[in-house]
């Protein structure tokens, strides 16, 4: 059962993120009397500073690791072939 819940909220429709369409932030009661413009600016700044979701970040890191390992392996094979050709 809910009784008289009263929260001040800020809804940001343009987050500037390709991952998040909209954000709803609930303002703490002790800051509810702060100027609305200051709270909205802080909300936009916080959303701008948000990073890529961790699940997506780990996939891209995995791809970078695979590509790096492949490049080193190819370089090692190439050096091995060159050294083998020089010692003949």
N, C-alpha and C. Protein backbone atom coordinates (compact mmCIF):
# COMPACT_ATOMS: atom_id res chain seq x y z
N UNK A 1 0.85 -1.18 0.00
CA UNK A 1 0.00 0.00 0.00
C UNK A 1 0.89 1.24 0.00
N UNK A 2 0.57 2.18 -0.85
CA UNK A 2 1.33 3.42 -0.95
C UNK A 2 0.57 4.54 -0.25
N UNK A 3 1.31 5.33 0.52
CA UNK A 3 0.69 6.46 1.20
C UNK A 3 1.42 7.73 0.83
N UNK A 4 0.76 8.64 0.23
CA UNK A 4 1.23 10.00 -0.01
C UNK A 4 2.69 10.16 -0.38
N UNK A 5 3.13 9.50 -1.41
CA UNK A 5 4.52 9.66 -1.84
C UNK A 5 4.61 10.94 -2.66
N UNK A 6 5.55 11.80 -2.30
CA UNK A 6 5.72 13.06 -2.99
C UNK A 6 7.21 13.24 -3.28
N UNK A 7 7.60 13.08 -4.53
CA UNK A 7 8.99 13.24 -4.93
C UNK A 7 9.09 14.33 -5.98
N UNK A 8 10.15 15.05 -5.93
CA UNK A 8 10.46 15.97 -7.02
C UNK A 8 11.30 15.17 -8.00
N UNK A 9 10.95 15.26 -9.27
CA UNK A 9 11.68 14.50 -10.27
C UNK A 9 12.11 15.41 -11.41
N UNK A 10 13.14 14.98 -12.11
CA UNK A 10 13.58 15.64 -13.33
C UNK A 10 13.57 14.57 -14.41
N UNK A 11 12.90 14.85 -15.50
CA UNK A 11 12.88 13.93 -16.62
C UNK A 11 13.70 14.56 -17.75
N UNK A 12 14.72 13.85 -18.20
CA UNK A 12 15.57 14.33 -19.27
C UNK A 12 15.24 13.51 -20.51
N UNK A 13 14.68 14.18 -21.52
CA UNK A 13 14.28 13.48 -22.74
C UNK A 13 15.42 13.36 -23.75
N UNK A 14 16.32 14.31 -23.77
CA UNK A 14 17.47 14.27 -24.67
C UNK A 14 18.72 14.03 -23.85
N UNK A 15 19.14 12.78 -23.75
CA UNK A 15 20.27 12.44 -22.88
C UNK A 15 21.61 12.67 -23.56
N UNK A 16 21.63 12.74 -24.89
CA UNK A 16 22.89 12.88 -25.60
C UNK A 16 23.65 11.57 -25.71
N UNK A 17 23.01 10.47 -25.34
CA UNK A 17 23.65 9.16 -25.37
C UNK A 17 23.00 8.31 -26.44
N UNK A 18 23.81 7.51 -27.12
CA UNK A 18 23.22 6.61 -28.10
C UNK A 18 22.57 5.40 -27.43
N UNK A 19 22.84 5.20 -26.15
CA UNK A 19 22.31 4.04 -25.43
C UNK A 19 21.04 4.35 -24.66
N UNK A 20 20.90 5.58 -24.18
CA UNK A 20 19.77 5.93 -23.33
C UNK A 20 18.91 7.00 -23.98
N UNK A 21 17.64 6.68 -24.12
CA UNK A 21 16.71 7.62 -24.75
C UNK A 21 16.24 8.69 -23.78
N UNK A 22 16.00 8.28 -22.54
CA UNK A 22 15.41 9.21 -21.58
C UNK A 22 15.81 8.77 -20.17
N UNK A 23 15.87 9.74 -19.26
CA UNK A 23 16.23 9.43 -17.87
C UNK A 23 15.27 10.15 -16.93
N UNK A 24 14.93 9.46 -15.87
CA UNK A 24 14.08 10.05 -14.82
C UNK A 24 14.89 10.02 -13.53
N UNK A 25 15.14 11.19 -12.98
CA UNK A 25 15.94 11.31 -11.76
C UNK A 25 15.06 11.82 -10.63
N UNK A 26 15.17 11.18 -9.48
CA UNK A 26 14.39 11.58 -8.31
C UNK A 26 15.30 12.41 -7.41
N UNK A 27 14.85 13.61 -7.09
CA UNK A 27 15.64 14.55 -6.30
C UNK A 27 15.47 14.24 -4.81
N UNK A 28 16.57 14.22 -4.10
CA UNK A 28 16.51 13.99 -2.65
C UNK A 28 15.73 15.13 -1.99
N UNK A 29 14.97 14.80 -0.97
CA UNK A 29 14.13 15.82 -0.32
C UNK A 29 14.90 17.05 0.15
N UNK A 30 16.13 16.86 0.65
CA UNK A 30 16.89 18.01 1.16
C UNK A 30 17.33 18.97 0.06
N UNK A 31 17.27 18.53 -1.21
CA UNK A 31 17.64 19.40 -2.33
C UNK A 31 16.45 19.82 -3.17
N UNK A 32 15.26 19.48 -2.75
CA UNK A 32 14.06 19.80 -3.52
C UNK A 32 13.84 21.31 -3.65
N UNK A 33 14.39 22.09 -2.72
CA UNK A 33 14.20 23.53 -2.77
C UNK A 33 15.26 24.24 -3.63
N UNK A 34 16.22 23.48 -4.15
CA UNK A 34 17.26 24.08 -5.00
C UNK A 34 16.65 24.60 -6.30
N UNK A 35 17.34 25.52 -6.92
CA UNK A 35 16.83 26.08 -8.17
C UNK A 35 16.72 24.98 -9.22
N UNK A 36 15.62 24.98 -9.90
CA UNK A 36 15.32 23.95 -10.90
C UNK A 36 16.39 23.93 -12.00
N UNK A 37 16.83 25.11 -12.45
CA UNK A 37 17.82 25.19 -13.53
C UNK A 37 19.14 24.54 -13.11
N UNK A 38 19.54 24.73 -11.86
CA UNK A 38 20.78 24.14 -11.37
C UNK A 38 20.66 22.62 -11.36
N UNK A 39 19.53 22.11 -10.89
CA UNK A 39 19.31 20.67 -10.85
C UNK A 39 19.28 20.07 -12.26
N UNK A 40 18.65 20.76 -13.19
CA UNK A 40 18.57 20.26 -14.57
C UNK A 40 19.96 20.26 -15.22
N UNK A 41 20.73 21.31 -14.99
CA UNK A 41 22.10 21.36 -15.53
C UNK A 41 22.95 20.21 -14.98
N UNK A 42 22.83 19.97 -13.68
CA UNK A 42 23.59 18.88 -13.06
C UNK A 42 23.14 17.52 -13.61
N UNK A 43 21.85 17.36 -13.84
CA UNK A 43 21.33 16.10 -14.40
C UNK A 43 21.90 15.87 -15.80
N UNK A 44 21.90 16.91 -16.62
CA UNK A 44 22.45 16.78 -17.98
C UNK A 44 23.95 16.48 -17.95
N UNK A 45 24.68 17.13 -17.05
CA UNK A 45 26.12 16.90 -16.93
C UNK A 45 26.39 15.45 -16.50
N UNK A 46 25.64 14.99 -15.55
CA UNK A 46 25.81 13.62 -15.07
C UNK A 46 25.53 12.61 -16.19
N UNK A 47 24.49 12.84 -16.96
CA UNK A 47 24.15 11.93 -18.05
C UNK A 47 25.20 11.97 -19.15
N UNK A 48 25.75 13.14 -19.42
CA UNK A 48 26.81 13.26 -20.44
C UNK A 48 28.04 12.45 -20.05
N UNK A 49 28.33 12.42 -18.75
CA UNK A 49 29.52 11.74 -18.25
C UNK A 49 29.35 10.23 -18.13
N UNK A 50 28.14 9.73 -18.36
CA UNK A 50 27.92 8.29 -18.26
C UNK A 50 28.68 7.58 -19.37
N UNK A 51 29.22 6.43 -19.04
CA UNK A 51 30.04 5.66 -19.96
C UNK A 51 29.19 4.60 -20.66
N UNK A 52 29.82 3.88 -21.56
CA UNK A 52 29.19 2.78 -22.26
C UNK A 52 28.78 1.71 -21.24
N UNK A 53 27.61 1.10 -21.40
CA UNK A 53 27.22 0.03 -20.47
C UNK A 53 28.30 -1.07 -20.42
N UNK A 54 28.54 -1.59 -19.23
CA UNK A 54 29.64 -2.53 -19.03
C UNK A 54 29.54 -3.78 -19.91
N UNK A 55 28.35 -4.26 -20.19
CA UNK A 55 28.21 -5.45 -21.03
C UNK A 55 28.71 -5.17 -22.45
N UNK A 56 28.45 -3.98 -22.96
CA UNK A 56 28.92 -3.62 -24.30
C UNK A 56 30.42 -3.35 -24.29
N UNK A 57 30.91 -2.74 -23.21
CA UNK A 57 32.33 -2.42 -23.11
C UNK A 57 33.17 -3.70 -23.09
N UNK A 58 32.71 -4.73 -22.37
CA UNK A 58 33.50 -5.95 -22.28
C UNK A 58 33.55 -6.67 -23.62
N UNK A 59 32.49 -6.58 -24.42
CA UNK A 59 32.50 -7.20 -25.74
C UNK A 59 33.50 -6.50 -26.66
N UNK A 60 33.54 -5.18 -26.60
CA UNK A 60 34.48 -4.45 -27.46
C UNK A 60 35.91 -4.69 -27.00
N UNK A 61 36.13 -4.82 -25.70
CA UNK A 61 37.49 -5.11 -25.20
C UNK A 61 37.93 -6.50 -25.65
N UNK A 62 37.00 -7.44 -25.65
CA UNK A 62 37.31 -8.80 -26.08
C UNK A 62 37.74 -8.79 -27.55
N UNK A 63 37.04 -8.03 -28.37
CA UNK A 63 37.38 -7.92 -29.79
C UNK A 63 38.77 -7.32 -29.97
N UNK A 64 39.08 -6.29 -29.20
CA UNK A 64 40.40 -5.66 -29.28
C UNK A 64 41.48 -6.66 -28.87
N UNK A 65 41.24 -7.43 -27.84
CA UNK A 65 42.22 -8.43 -27.41
C UNK A 65 42.45 -9.49 -28.48
N UNK A 66 41.37 -9.94 -29.12
CA UNK A 66 41.49 -10.95 -30.18
C UNK A 66 42.29 -10.39 -31.35
N UNK A 67 41.97 -9.16 -31.75
CA UNK A 67 42.69 -8.55 -32.87
C UNK A 67 44.16 -8.33 -32.53
N UNK A 68 44.45 -7.91 -31.31
CA UNK A 68 45.84 -7.70 -30.90
C UNK A 68 46.61 -9.02 -30.90
N UNK A 69 46.01 -10.06 -30.35
CA UNK A 69 46.67 -11.37 -30.32
C UNK A 69 46.91 -11.88 -31.74
N UNK A 70 45.94 -11.67 -32.62
CA UNK A 70 46.09 -12.10 -34.02
C UNK A 70 47.23 -11.36 -34.70
N UNK A 71 47.33 -10.06 -34.44
CA UNK A 71 48.40 -9.27 -35.05
C UNK A 71 49.77 -9.74 -34.55
N UNK A 72 49.89 -10.01 -33.25
CA UNK A 72 51.16 -10.51 -32.73
C UNK A 72 51.50 -11.89 -33.30
N UNK A 73 50.50 -12.74 -33.43
CA UNK A 73 50.73 -14.08 -33.99
C UNK A 73 51.19 -13.98 -35.44
N UNK A 74 50.53 -13.12 -36.21
CA UNK A 74 50.92 -12.94 -37.61
C UNK A 74 52.35 -12.37 -37.70
N UNK A 75 52.67 -11.42 -36.82
CA UNK A 75 54.02 -10.86 -36.80
C UNK A 75 55.05 -11.91 -36.45
N UNK A 76 54.74 -12.76 -35.49
CA UNK A 76 55.65 -13.83 -35.10
C UNK A 76 55.89 -14.82 -36.23
N UNK A 77 54.83 -15.17 -36.93
CA UNK A 77 54.96 -16.08 -38.07
C UNK A 77 55.82 -15.45 -39.16
N UNK A 78 55.60 -14.17 -39.42
CA UNK A 78 56.37 -13.45 -40.44
C UNK A 78 57.85 -13.40 -40.07
N UNK A 79 58.14 -13.07 -38.83
CA UNK A 79 59.55 -13.04 -38.38
C UNK A 79 60.17 -14.42 -38.47
N UNK A 80 59.41 -15.45 -38.09
CA UNK A 80 59.91 -16.82 -38.17
C UNK A 80 60.22 -17.21 -39.60
N UNK A 81 59.37 -16.83 -40.54
CA UNK A 81 59.62 -17.13 -41.95
C UNK A 81 60.86 -16.40 -42.47
N UNK A 82 60.99 -15.15 -42.06
CA UNK A 82 62.17 -14.37 -42.52
C UNK A 82 63.45 -14.96 -41.96
N UNK A 83 63.48 -15.30 -40.69
CA UNK A 83 64.65 -15.90 -40.08
C UNK A 83 64.97 -17.26 -40.70
N UNK A 84 63.94 -18.01 -40.98
CA UNK A 84 64.14 -19.32 -41.60
C UNK A 84 64.73 -19.19 -42.99
N UNK A 85 64.28 -18.19 -43.73
CA UNK A 85 64.80 -17.96 -45.09
C UNK A 85 66.24 -17.48 -45.04
N UNK A 86 66.61 -16.70 -44.03
CA UNK A 86 67.97 -16.17 -43.93
C UNK A 86 68.97 -17.24 -43.52
N UNK A 87 68.54 -18.24 -42.78
CA UNK A 87 69.47 -19.27 -42.31
C UNK A 87 69.68 -20.39 -43.32
N UNK A 88 69.02 -20.39 -44.39
CA UNK A 88 69.19 -21.45 -45.40
C UNK A 88 70.36 -21.20 -46.27
